[in-house]
Amino acid sequence: MTRLPLVLLLMTLVAIVGAQQPTPTWSIAKPTVDKWDNEYQGMGRTVAARDQIVGKIHQLLLDHPADTWAYEAAALGFNHLNLNGEAVAVIRDYLRRFPEDDSLMGRVWFFFGNWGSVEDMMAVPERWRQNVRYWQSLLNVYVRTNARPNLLEQVGTEVLTRMPPERDSGGNERISIAEIWIEHGVNPRAAERIAREAVAIAEVGDRPSYIPINSEQATILKQLVIVNVNRSTLAWALYQQGRFNEALAELRRAVAICEKETIVSRGIYYRLGQTLEKLNRRNSALEAYFKGLAWEDRENRIDAAITRLYRRIHGSTAGLEALKRTRVNDLLTARATGAEDLVRTIDEDLGRFEPVDGHGRPFDIRQYRGKVVIVDFWATWCGICRVTMQQTNNLQRKFADRVVVVAWSDDAEEAHAEAAQFLKRMRYAFVLVFGDLNRMSLRIPFLPARLIIDRAGRVRVMEFGYTAASAARFEHKLKVIVDDAR
């Protein structure tokens, strides 16, 4: 397989999900924020150092009470110190002092959506409430504060009113809201309605305007575009209504595509197992759960479902662990065999590798000699990367202290805080670094991408793109390298 067509395909397929854009005042605020970061780092990031920077932030606001850039710098300065309550207070003060200014609107959504209150959202200027990001942020606040289902439905509807189907790439916004509604007890008929809209959007294809020149490229294109995960949400909405046969029909359609095209699903095997159980098809449900362990997240809920169902079938859990290991390994092996050439085995020196940590300090990967390292290249704007990172997180949990994960963010500097907050929100125990991919010796032409570095510091595996099959192959190669390192 030539690399160029695959590169073109993957670059086209990367999903843009709203990376934070620079504000009109960022060029003025940035040097001050950078100075604080460098001082904090230089003083060893101690409590005393933090308190000293906090004093400088307060002094900046006293010295520049009429400059909006100072409020942006102060909020981000507090954010970099992980003092987001203070950052929110700065944003509140900005809104009070500059009621006619719109330059920091994006910062308001970021801070209020992640750490603010409903009262904060209600205090923003009325003119901002026509902006879809206002309603997205308000929905995020309602989810964080466990708002009543009727409020979640109302605000989700406001988001979708401002995001017609032609602007909802892949139906992603509709699916996100449907999942929130299902999880938080909103009328499942409402979730069904917007999930059906999302399915219709995805069925149109939402494919890039790239014409494959041969059958090989056409196959790759089909594998790398997720066209059916929306059916999992639709099925789950039907399940919540007790319409189990309809849910099963949707799940089977989705599973058929997943297994043929080896594309990523949304909890589909867990949901399939739950639906089959409701229809009293216990053995089929157990097999669905095993596939969930093999090809999706290794979540506690799947393990718990297997244990409970196995006990119902056999009267005890005797023999379960042996069966689980054997069946899951067989499924992983079978799927890895069919993986496309997205995962390559190599043996190369890492060469130039010069990222920095979140405080701008040079990061030396040699500190992890003696351990196996996964380097996961990603960005907050890369939708496919989020799927890859989920599997990376599962691998880190599986191999525990034998594997270290370094998450190299390709985000612009103004989005570094957003990248750090994403990892924190997802509870990923990754080492976060930043840097220009073009400054590496190894060529990383597109995202997502991953490396496996052995305990001697040699690069042994490179992966570009993501399919369920390539993920299985990546996991198999990691296991071999980890076992060799024992």
Protein backbone atom coordinates (compact mmCIF):
# COMPACT_ATOMS: atom_id res chain seq x y z
CA MET A 1 0.00 0.00 0.00
CA THR A 2 1.42 3.42 -0.89
CA ARG A 3 1.43 5.98 1.92
CA LEU A 4 0.36 9.07 -0.03
CA PRO A 5 -3.26 8.09 -0.74
CA LEU A 6 -3.71 7.08 2.89
CA VAL A 7 -2.29 10.39 4.03
CA LEU A 8 -4.68 12.31 1.81
CA LEU A 9 -7.61 10.28 3.02
CA LEU A 10 -6.81 10.68 6.69
CA MET A 11 -6.09 14.38 6.44
CA THR A 12 -9.47 14.83 4.81
CA LEU A 13 -11.20 12.75 7.46
CA VAL A 14 -9.94 14.56 10.58
CA ALA A 15 -13.01 16.08 12.27
CA ILE A 16 -12.86 19.72 13.28
CA VAL A 17 -14.78 20.07 16.54
CA GLY A 18 -14.35 23.71 17.45
CA ALA A 19 -10.79 24.33 18.56
CA GLN A 20 -10.52 27.51 20.57
CA GLN A 21 -9.68 30.45 18.31
CA PRO A 22 -7.43 33.39 19.25
CA THR A 23 -9.26 36.47 20.54
CA PRO A 24 -8.66 40.02 19.23
CA THR A 25 -6.68 40.81 22.38
CA TRP A 26 -4.69 37.57 22.65
CA SER A 27 -1.55 39.03 21.05
CA ILE A 28 -1.45 41.57 23.89
CA ALA A 29 -2.35 39.17 26.70
CA LYS A 30 -0.14 36.29 25.59
CA PRO A 31 3.30 37.75 26.52
CA THR A 32 2.07 38.40 30.07
CA VAL A 33 0.64 34.89 30.44
CA ASP A 34 3.85 33.41 29.03
CA LYS A 35 5.92 35.47 31.49
CA TRP A 36 3.91 34.19 34.45
CA ASP A 37 4.20 30.61 33.20
CA ASN A 38 7.98 30.92 32.85
CA GLU A 39 8.34 32.49 36.30
CA TYR A 40 6.18 29.81 37.91
CA GLN A 41 8.22 27.11 36.22
CA GLY A 42 11.51 28.77 37.14
CA MET A 43 10.51 28.91 40.81
CA GLY A 44 9.76 25.19 40.85
CA ARG A 45 5.95 25.42 40.78
CA THR A 46 5.82 25.58 44.56
CA VAL A 47 2.93 26.93 46.64
CA ALA A 48 5.00 30.02 47.37
CA ALA A 49 5.64 30.48 43.65
CA ARG A 50 1.94 30.15 42.93
CA ASP A 51 1.08 32.74 45.55
CA GLN A 52 3.63 35.12 44.07
CA ILE A 53 2.10 34.80 40.59
CA VAL A 54 -1.38 35.26 42.06
CA GLY A 55 -0.19 38.56 43.53
CA LYS A 56 1.07 39.66 40.10
CA ILE A 57 -2.26 38.77 38.50
CA HIS A 58 -4.14 40.88 41.01
CA GLN A 59 -1.70 43.75 40.47
CA LEU A 60 -2.22 43.59 36.71
CA LEU A 61 -5.95 44.06 37.19
CA LEU A 62 -5.32 47.02 39.50
CA ASP A 63 -2.95 48.60 36.97
CA HIS A 64 -5.21 48.01 33.93
CA PRO A 65 -8.83 48.20 35.06
CA ALA A 66 -9.98 49.54 31.67
CA ASP A 67 -8.15 47.05 29.41
CA THR A 68 -9.99 43.91 28.36
CA TRP A 69 -6.74 42.15 27.54
CA ALA A 70 -5.79 42.31 31.22
CA TYR A 71 -8.91 40.35 32.15
CA GLU A 72 -8.12 37.74 29.51
CA ALA A 73 -4.54 37.44 30.80
CA ALA A 74 -5.72 37.23 34.40
CA ALA A 75 -8.32 34.53 33.70
CA LEU A 76 -5.83 32.41 31.77
CA GLY A 77 -3.13 33.03 34.37
CA PHE A 78 -5.42 31.63 37.06
CA ASN A 79 -6.37 28.76 34.74
CA HIS A 80 -2.72 27.82 34.26
CA LEU A 81 -2.37 27.73 38.04
CA ASN A 82 -5.45 25.50 38.21
CA LEU A 83 -7.31 28.20 40.12
CA ASN A 84 -10.41 28.17 37.97
CA GLY A 85 -12.71 29.57 40.63
CA GLU A 86 -10.60 32.74 40.57
CA ALA A 87 -10.61 32.68 36.76
CA VAL A 88 -14.41 32.58 36.72
CA ALA A 89 -14.47 35.53 39.13
CA VAL A 90 -12.32 37.51 36.68
CA ILE A 91 -14.70 36.69 33.82
CA ARG A 92 -17.64 37.84 35.94
CA ASP A 93 -15.84 41.13 36.61
CA TYR A 94 -15.12 41.54 32.89
CA LEU A 95 -18.83 41.22 32.10
CA ARG A 96 -19.73 43.79 34.75
CA ARG A 97 -17.14 46.32 33.59
CA PHE A 98 -17.53 45.90 29.84
CA PRO A 99 -21.20 45.14 29.13
CA GLU A 100 -20.91 46.25 25.49
CA ASP A 101 -17.69 44.38 24.68
CA ASP A 102 -17.78 41.10 22.74
CA SER A 103 -14.06 40.41 22.32
CA LEU A 104 -13.83 37.78 25.08
CA MET A 105 -17.05 35.97 24.29
CA GLY A 106 -15.22 32.73 23.53
CA ARG A 107 -13.35 32.90 26.85
CA VAL A 108 -16.66 33.40 28.64
CA TRP A 109 -18.07 30.21 27.09
CA PHE A 110 -14.91 28.31 28.00
CA PHE A 111 -14.78 29.37 31.66
CA PHE A 112 -18.49 29.47 32.40
CA GLY A 113 -19.19 26.24 30.51
CA ASN A 114 -16.51 24.34 32.43
CA TRP A 115 -16.60 25.97 35.88
CA GLY A 116 -19.36 28.55 36.00
CA SER A 117 -22.90 28.35 37.32
CA VAL A 118 -26.35 28.66 35.83
CA GLU A 119 -26.49 32.16 37.34
CA ASP A 120 -23.28 33.04 35.47
CA MET A 121 -24.82 31.95 32.18
CA MET A 122 -27.99 33.93 32.85
CA ALA A 123 -25.90 37.06 33.45
CA VAL A 124 -24.32 37.22 29.97
CA PRO A 125 -25.56 39.93 27.59
CA GLU A 126 -28.90 39.20 25.96
CA ARG A 127 -27.42 39.70 22.48
CA TRP A 128 -25.11 36.71 23.03
CA ARG A 129 -28.00 34.31 23.47
CA GLN A 130 -28.50 33.89 19.76
CA ASN A 131 -25.05 32.29 19.59
CA VAL A 132 -25.15 28.48 19.54
CA ARG A 133 -22.13 28.37 21.86
CA TYR A 134 -24.14 30.08 24.58
CA TRP A 135 -26.63 27.23 24.57
CA GLN A 136 -23.91 24.59 24.29
CA SER A 137 -22.18 26.05 27.33
CA LEU A 138 -25.46 26.31 29.24
CA LEU A 139 -26.18 22.66 28.45
CA ASN A 140 -22.74 21.74 29.77
CA VAL A 141 -23.49 23.64 32.99
CA TYR A 142 -26.83 21.90 33.36
CA VAL A 143 -25.21 18.51 32.89
CA ARG A 144 -22.54 19.33 35.50
CA THR A 145 -25.14 20.50 37.99
CA ASN A 146 -27.59 17.63 37.39
CA ALA A 147 -30.39 19.87 36.21
CA ARG A 148 -33.94 18.61 35.82
CA PRO A 149 -34.69 16.62 32.64
CA ASN A 150 -37.09 19.29 31.34
CA LEU A 151 -34.30 21.90 31.47
CA LEU A 152 -31.87 19.59 29.64
CA GLU A 153 -34.49 19.01 26.95
CA GLN A 154 -35.23 22.70 26.61
CA VAL A 155 -31.61 23.79 26.29
CA GLY A 156 -30.69 20.89 23.99
CA THR A 157 -33.55 21.92 21.73
CA GLU A 158 -32.23 25.50 21.69
CA VAL A 159 -28.82 24.19 20.55
CA LEU A 160 -30.35 22.24 17.70
CA THR A 161 -32.60 25.12 16.66
CA ARG A 162 -29.39 27.05 15.96
CA MET A 163 -27.65 24.11 14.33
CA PRO A 164 -29.69 22.84 11.36
CA PRO A 165 -28.81 19.42 9.93
CA GLU A 166 -26.67 20.87 7.16
CA ARG A 167 -24.37 22.40 9.80
CA ASP A 168 -24.25 19.33 12.04
CA SER A 169 -21.33 17.38 10.62
CA GLY A 170 -22.04 13.67 10.86
CA GLY A 171 -24.96 14.39 13.17
CA ASN A 172 -22.44 14.64 16.02
CA GLU A 173 -24.21 17.44 17.92
CA ARG A 174 -27.54 15.63 17.73
CA ILE A 175 -26.02 12.39 18.95
CA SER A 176 -24.25 14.14 21.82
CA ILE A 177 -27.50 15.70 22.95
CA ALA A 178 -29.45 12.47 22.51
CA GLU A 179 -26.93 10.64 24.68
CA ILE A 180 -27.21 13.34 27.37
CA TRP A 181 -30.99 13.10 27.27
CA ILE A 182 -30.99 9.32 27.56
CA GLU A 183 -28.50 9.35 30.44
CA HIS A 184 -30.35 12.04 32.38
CA GLY A 185 -33.90 10.80 32.02
CA VAL A 186 -35.26 13.10 29.32
CA ASN A 187 -38.24 11.68 27.43
CA PRO A 188 -36.62 8.96 25.26
CA ARG A 189 -39.02 9.77 22.43
CA ALA A 190 -37.29 13.14 22.12
CA ALA A 191 -33.89 11.39 22.04
CA GLU A 192 -35.25 9.00 19.40
CA ARG A 193 -36.38 11.90 17.22
CA ILE A 194 -33.00 13.66 17.09
CA ALA A 195 -31.11 10.35 16.86
CA ARG A 196 -33.13 9.59 13.74
CA GLU A 197 -32.11 12.97 12.35
CA ALA A 198 -28.47 12.11 13.06
CA VAL A 199 -28.82 8.73 11.35
CA ALA A 200 -30.29 10.46 8.30
CA ILE A 201 -27.36 12.89 8.21
CA ALA A 202 -24.78 10.09 8.47
CA GLU A 203 -26.57 7.90 5.94
CA VAL A 204 -26.21 10.69 3.40
CA GLY A 205 -22.57 9.97 4.02
CA ASP A 206 -21.06 13.16 5.38
CA ARG A 207 -18.09 11.93 3.41
CA PRO A 208 -15.32 14.21 2.19
CA SER A 209 -15.25 15.25 -1.45
CA TYR A 210 -12.43 12.84 -2.23
CA ILE A 211 -12.86 10.45 -5.13
CA PRO A 212 -10.89 7.21 -4.61
CA ILE A 213 -8.87 6.21 -7.64
CA ASN A 214 -8.96 2.47 -6.97
CA SER A 215 -10.79 -0.14 -4.92
CA GLU A 216 -8.09 -0.17 -2.23
CA GLN A 217 -8.60 3.53 -1.52
CA ALA A 218 -12.36 3.09 -1.56
CA THR A 219 -12.06 0.39 1.10
CA ILE A 220 -9.90 2.61 3.30
CA LEU A 221 -12.30 5.51 2.89
CA LYS A 222 -15.22 3.38 4.04
CA GLN A 223 -13.27 2.12 7.02
CA LEU A 224 -12.15 5.49 8.26
CA VAL A 225 -15.47 7.33 8.04
CA ILE A 226 -17.79 6.50 10.90
CA VAL A 227 -21.19 6.32 9.23
CA ASN A 228 -23.28 4.24 11.55
CA VAL A 229 -22.44 4.90 15.18
CA ASN A 230 -25.55 7.07 15.38
CA ARG A 231 -27.66 3.91 15.11
CA SER A 232 -26.35 2.80 18.50
CA THR A 233 -27.85 5.90 20.11
CA LEU A 234 -31.09 5.48 18.19
CA ALA A 235 -31.31 1.87 19.35
CA TRP A 236 -30.65 2.90 22.94
CA ALA A 237 -33.47 5.44 22.78
CA LEU A 238 -35.78 2.67 21.54
CA TYR A 239 -34.53 0.37 24.30
CA GLN A 240 -35.44 2.99 26.93
CA GLN A 241 -39.00 2.89 25.61
CA GLY A 242 -39.21 -0.90 25.89
CA ARG A 243 -39.20 -1.31 22.10
CA PHE A 244 -36.64 -4.09 22.23
CA ASN A 245 -37.25 -5.71 18.86
CA GLU A 246 -36.89 -2.36 17.09
CA ALA A 247 -33.75 -1.65 19.09
CA LEU A 248 -32.32 -5.04 18.12
CA ALA A 249 -32.97 -4.36 14.43
CA GLU A 250 -31.04 -1.07 14.59
CA LEU A 251 -28.19 -2.61 16.55
CA ARG A 252 -27.87 -5.51 14.11
CA ARG A 253 -27.63 -3.11 11.20
CA ALA A 254 -24.91 -1.21 12.99
CA VAL A 255 -23.05 -4.35 14.05
CA ALA A 256 -23.12 -5.71 10.50
CA ILE A 257 -21.43 -2.57 9.22
CA CYS A 258 -18.96 -2.47 12.11
CA GLU A 259 -17.85 -6.03 11.58
CA LYS A 260 -17.64 -5.73 7.81
CA GLU A 261 -15.87 -2.39 7.71
CA THR A 262 -14.05 -2.63 11.08
CA ILE A 263 -15.12 0.84 12.12
CA VAL A 264 -15.58 2.17 15.62
CA SER A 265 -18.88 1.82 17.42
CA ARG A 266 -20.50 3.60 20.35
CA GLY A 267 -20.88 1.04 23.13
CA ILE A 268 -22.71 -1.07 20.64
CA TYR A 269 -21.95 -4.55 22.02
CA TYR A 270 -22.90 -3.65 25.56
CA ARG A 271 -26.19 -2.28 24.29
CA LEU A 272 -26.66 -5.30 22.07
CA GLY A 273 -26.14 -7.59 25.04
CA GLN A 274 -28.62 -5.65 27.16
CA THR A 275 -31.23 -5.81 24.39
CA LEU A 276 -30.73 -9.53 23.82
CA GLU A 277 -31.13 -10.14 27.53
CA LYS A 278 -34.47 -8.35 27.47
CA LEU A 279 -35.51 -10.70 24.67
CA ASN A 280 -34.31 -13.71 26.75
CA ARG A 281 -31.51 -14.62 24.32
CA ARG A 282 -28.91 -15.19 27.00
CA ASN A 283 -26.17 -16.99 25.10
CA SER A 284 -26.26 -14.44 22.28
CA ALA A 285 -26.11 -11.68 24.88
CA LEU A 286 -23.04 -13.24 26.50
CA GLU A 287 -21.27 -13.39 23.12
CA ALA A 288 -22.11 -9.71 22.54
CA TYR A 289 -20.52 -8.82 25.87
CA PHE A 290 -17.38 -10.78 24.99
CA LYS A 291 -17.12 -8.78 21.77
CA GLY A 292 -17.52 -5.66 23.83
CA LEU A 293 -14.52 -6.66 25.92
CA ALA A 294 -12.48 -7.52 22.84
CA TRP A 295 -13.29 -4.60 20.56
CA GLU A 296 -14.55 -1.73 22.71
CA ASP A 297 -13.90 -0.15 26.11
CA ARG A 298 -13.08 -2.61 28.86
CA GLU A 299 -15.58 -0.96 31.11
CA ASN A 300 -16.66 -2.28 34.49
CA ARG A 301 -20.25 -2.37 33.32
CA ILE A 302 -19.42 -5.02 30.70
CA ASP A 303 -17.55 -7.17 33.21
CA ALA A 304 -20.42 -6.83 35.65
CA ALA A 305 -22.95 -7.77 32.96
CA ILE A 306 -20.95 -10.87 31.99
CA THR A 307 -20.63 -12.01 35.59
CA ARG A 308 -24.32 -11.51 36.31
CA LEU A 309 -25.49 -13.20 33.10
CA TYR A 310 -23.03 -16.11 33.35
CA ARG A 311 -24.25 -16.82 36.87
CA ARG A 312 -27.87 -16.80 35.65
CA ILE A 313 -27.01 -19.30 32.89
CA HIS A 314 -24.71 -21.64 34.87
CA GLY A 315 -25.71 -21.09 38.49
CA SER A 316 -22.20 -19.96 39.51
CA THR A 317 -19.14 -18.19 38.10
CA ALA A 318 -16.99 -21.34 37.98
CA GLY A 319 -15.02 -21.38 34.72
CA LEU A 320 -15.91 -17.81 33.79
CA GLU A 321 -12.43 -16.30 33.93
CA ALA A 322 -10.93 -19.03 31.73
CA LEU A 323 -13.76 -18.70 29.22
CA LYS A 324 -13.42 -14.92 29.18
CA ARG A 325 -9.67 -15.00 28.52
CA THR A 326 -10.00 -17.58 25.76
CA ARG A 327 -12.95 -15.98 23.99
CA VAL A 328 -11.66 -12.44 24.14
CA ASN A 329 -8.21 -13.47 22.91
CA ASP A 330 -9.77 -15.40 19.99
CA LEU A 331 -11.86 -12.40 19.02
CA LEU A 332 -8.91 -10.02 19.22
CA THR A 333 -6.74 -12.31 17.14
CA ALA A 334 -9.41 -12.80 14.49
CA ARG A 335 -10.01 -9.10 14.11
CA ALA A 336 -6.36 -8.12 14.11
CA THR A 337 -5.74 -10.48 11.21
CA GLY A 338 -7.94 -8.34 8.98
CA ALA A 339 -6.42 -4.97 9.88
CA GLU A 340 -5.43 -2.61 7.10
CA ASP A 341 -1.83 -1.47 6.85
CA LEU A 342 -2.29 1.35 9.34
CA VAL A 343 0.09 -0.20 11.89
CA ARG A 344 3.72 -0.71 10.90
CA THR A 345 6.47 -2.58 12.73
CA ILE A 346 9.80 -0.74 12.61
CA ASP A 347 13.02 -0.50 14.61
CA GLU A 348 14.29 3.07 14.51
CA ASP A 349 15.96 5.59 16.76
CA LEU A 350 13.54 8.25 18.02
CA GLY A 351 15.88 11.00 16.88
CA ARG A 352 14.82 14.58 17.37
CA PHE A 353 11.98 14.66 19.90
CA GLU A 354 11.70 18.04 21.60
CA PRO A 355 8.27 18.79 23.04
CA VAL A 356 7.70 20.90 26.15
CA ASP A 357 5.46 20.30 29.13
CA GLY A 358 2.48 22.44 30.11
CA HIS A 359 4.78 25.02 31.68
CA GLY A 360 7.11 25.36 28.72
CA ARG A 361 9.92 23.22 30.13
CA PRO A 362 11.80 20.87 27.76
CA PHE A 363 10.52 17.35 28.06
CA ASP A 364 13.03 14.49 28.01
CA ILE A 365 11.46 11.14 27.15
CA ARG A 366 14.66 9.37 28.17
CA GLN A 367 13.45 9.56 31.77
CA TYR A 368 11.20 6.59 30.93
CA ARG A 369 13.98 4.25 29.83
CA GLY A 370 13.18 0.80 31.17
CA LYS A 371 9.47 1.20 30.49
CA VAL A 372 7.41 0.84 27.34
CA VAL A 373 6.06 4.20 26.17
CA ILE A 374 3.04 4.97 23.98
CA VAL A 375 3.19 8.40 22.35
CA ASP A 376 -0.33 9.43 21.33
CA PHE A 377 -0.37 12.39 18.92
CA TRP A 378 -3.64 14.32 19.11
CA ALA A 379 -5.33 17.73 19.21
CA THR A 380 -8.50 19.11 20.75
CA TRP A 381 -9.86 19.79 17.25
CA CYS A 382 -9.36 16.19 16.09
CA GLY A 383 -12.51 14.15 16.60
CA ILE A 384 -10.96 10.83 15.55
CA CYS A 385 -8.16 11.40 18.06
CA ARG A 386 -10.64 11.17 20.91
CA VAL A 387 -11.54 7.65 19.86
CA THR A 388 -7.87 6.67 19.66
CA MET A 389 -7.20 8.15 23.10
CA GLN A 390 -9.99 6.07 24.62
CA GLN A 391 -8.22 2.92 23.50
CA THR A 392 -4.86 4.29 24.68
CA ASN A 393 -6.42 4.86 28.09
CA ASN A 394 -7.69 1.28 28.14
CA LEU A 395 -4.22 0.00 27.27
CA GLN A 396 -2.63 2.04 30.03
CA ARG A 397 -5.08 0.63 32.55
CA LYS A 398 -4.52 -2.89 31.26
CA PHE A 399 -0.72 -2.81 31.43
CA ALA A 400 -0.58 -0.57 34.52
CA ASP A 401 2.90 0.50 35.60
CA ARG A 402 4.60 -1.27 32.69
CA VAL A 403 3.38 1.32 30.17
CA VAL A 404 3.68 5.12 30.21
CA VAL A 405 1.52 7.26 27.92
CA VAL A 406 2.80 10.57 26.58
CA ALA A 407 0.04 12.61 24.93
CA TRP A 408 1.63 15.01 22.45
CA SER A 409 -0.86 17.80 21.66
CA ASP A 410 -0.55 19.55 18.31
CA ASP A 411 -2.77 22.40 19.53
CA ALA A 412 -1.85 26.03 19.12
CA GLU A 413 -0.60 27.67 22.28
CA GLU A 414 -3.86 29.47 23.01
CA ALA A 415 -5.60 26.07 23.25
CA HIS A 416 -3.09 24.45 25.64
CA ALA A 417 -5.32 25.06 28.65
CA GLU A 418 -8.23 23.48 26.80
CA ALA A 419 -6.10 20.41 26.04
CA ALA A 420 -5.11 20.05 29.70
CA GLN A 421 -8.69 20.40 30.84
CA PHE A 422 -9.83 17.75 28.35
CA LEU A 423 -7.39 15.19 29.79
CA LYS A 424 -8.44 16.13 33.31
CA ARG A 425 -12.14 15.86 32.48
CA MET A 426 -11.64 12.44 30.87
CA ARG A 427 -9.44 11.34 33.82
CA TYR A 428 -6.65 10.26 31.50
CA ALA A 429 -3.41 9.75 33.44
CA PHE A 430 -1.28 10.79 30.47
CA VAL A 431 1.85 12.93 30.48
CA LEU A 432 0.78 15.99 28.45
CA VAL A 433 3.34 17.65 26.20
CA PHE A 434 3.16 20.17 23.36
CA GLY A 435 5.26 20.80 20.29
CA ASP A 436 5.56 21.23 16.55
CA LEU A 437 5.31 17.84 14.84
CA ASN A 438 7.40 19.14 11.96
CA ARG A 439 10.39 19.41 14.31
CA MET A 440 10.46 15.66 14.89
CA SER A 441 12.85 13.36 13.08
CA LEU A 442 10.06 10.87 12.51
CA ARG A 443 7.45 12.05 10.05
CA ILE A 444 3.97 12.49 11.57
CA PRO A 445 1.99 13.84 8.61
CA PHE A 446 -1.50 13.65 10.08
CA LEU A 447 -3.52 12.90 13.18
CA PRO A 448 -4.26 10.64 14.91
CA ALA A 449 -0.96 8.81 15.18
CA ARG A 450 0.75 6.67 17.82
CA LEU A 451 4.20 5.30 18.51
CA ILE A 452 5.33 2.44 20.74
CA ILE A 453 8.81 2.94 22.17
CA ASP A 454 10.49 -0.02 23.82
CA ARG A 455 12.39 0.04 27.09
CA ALA A 456 15.67 0.75 25.26
CA GLY A 457 14.20 3.89 23.67
CA ARG A 458 13.75 2.43 20.17
CA VAL A 459 10.61 3.14 18.14
CA ARG A 460 9.10 -0.25 17.40
CA VAL A 461 5.59 0.52 16.09
CA MET A 462 4.00 3.41 14.20
CA GLU A 463 0.24 3.75 13.70
CA PHE A 464 -1.54 6.30 11.50
CA GLY A 465 -5.30 6.67 11.56
CA TYR A 466 -7.69 4.45 13.45
CA THR A 467 -10.01 1.54 12.83
CA ALA A 468 -11.19 -1.06 15.30
CA ALA A 469 -9.06 -3.62 13.44
CA SER A 470 -5.90 -1.51 13.51
CA ALA A 471 -6.50 -0.85 17.22
CA ALA A 472 -6.58 -4.59 17.85
CA ARG A 473 -3.37 -4.99 15.88
CA PHE A 474 -1.77 -2.13 17.80
CA GLU A 475 -2.75 -3.76 21.10
CA HIS A 476 -1.32 -7.11 19.99
CA LYS A 477 2.03 -5.51 19.08
CA LEU A 478 2.10 -3.62 22.38
CA LYS A 479 1.53 -6.83 24.32
CA VAL A 480 4.46 -8.49 22.55
CA ILE A 481 6.76 -5.57 23.37
CA VAL A 482 5.60 -5.38 26.98
CA ASP A 483 6.08 -9.12 27.45
CA ASP A 484 9.57 -8.87 25.94
CA ALA A 485 10.38 -6.19 28.50
CA ARG A 486 9.70 -8.45 31.47
